[in-house]
Amino acid sequence: MLKHNNFHCYTESLPIKVFQYENPWTVPNILCMVRIGLSPVLGYLVVEKEFDVALGLFVLAGITDLLDGYIARNWAHQKSVLGSALDPLADKILISVLYVCLTCVNLIPVPLTAMILSRDIALIAAVFYVRYRTVPPPRTLSKYFNPCYATAQLKPTFISKVNTAVQLVLVAASLAAPVFHYVDSVFLQALWYITAFTTAASAYSYYHFGRQTIQVLNRGKVQ
């Protein structure tokens, strides 16, 4: 039914039961929060053209990304539904901040950044809508934003994972360009087109496979 990304039609029949309660204070979730906290710091360094420091801090952010995924996969008690949402959210915040700041210093073209931000805004809006539809009534702000209650999980498509990796590679290459003096290289320009292609493909994959990307964690009938 969601083949054409009709979230409204799908969520009319989404099931609900009782919230799945979970502990939000896991190591992977804390590492995701660290990555989110590093985002504005990285953005400031880029705008100030401290590219060498920014590159080092970006590598640190990448290490936290690898660590939180490794811990969540290998220790069952560290895995959470919140973490499955927080990890891509941390990536999106980091990517969005860095793309905007790298565009401000003319290292990434404006149309590419606009495409990436548009895709992420649309996806986040869809996630918020699904969250609203799967929270049982009475729907309150405290219930809606309580991270301890899990109602639905967005499962990224394969091309979306590839796209995130490509976007991060472009960020790393762009940060390194002023440090290693290859700002005007064909390599960077090729990465722009590859990133644009994977971003468009990722957006289409969510549009086409909307139903398969949503896993509802409770039973019953949405009111």
Foldseek 3Di string as FASTA:
>chain_A
DLQQPPLVVVLQFDFEDDFDFADCPALLNVLLVVLLVCQVVLLVCLLVVVLVVSLVVLVVNVVSLVVSVVCVVPPVNRHDLLSLVSSVVSLLSNLLSLQVSLVVVPLAPPVLSVLSVVLVVVVVVSVLVSLQSQQAPPDDPCSSPVSRTDFKHFAADPLVVVLSVLSSVLSSCSSCCVVVPQSPPVVSVVSSVVNSVSSVVRSSCCSRPVVVRMGTDHGHGGD
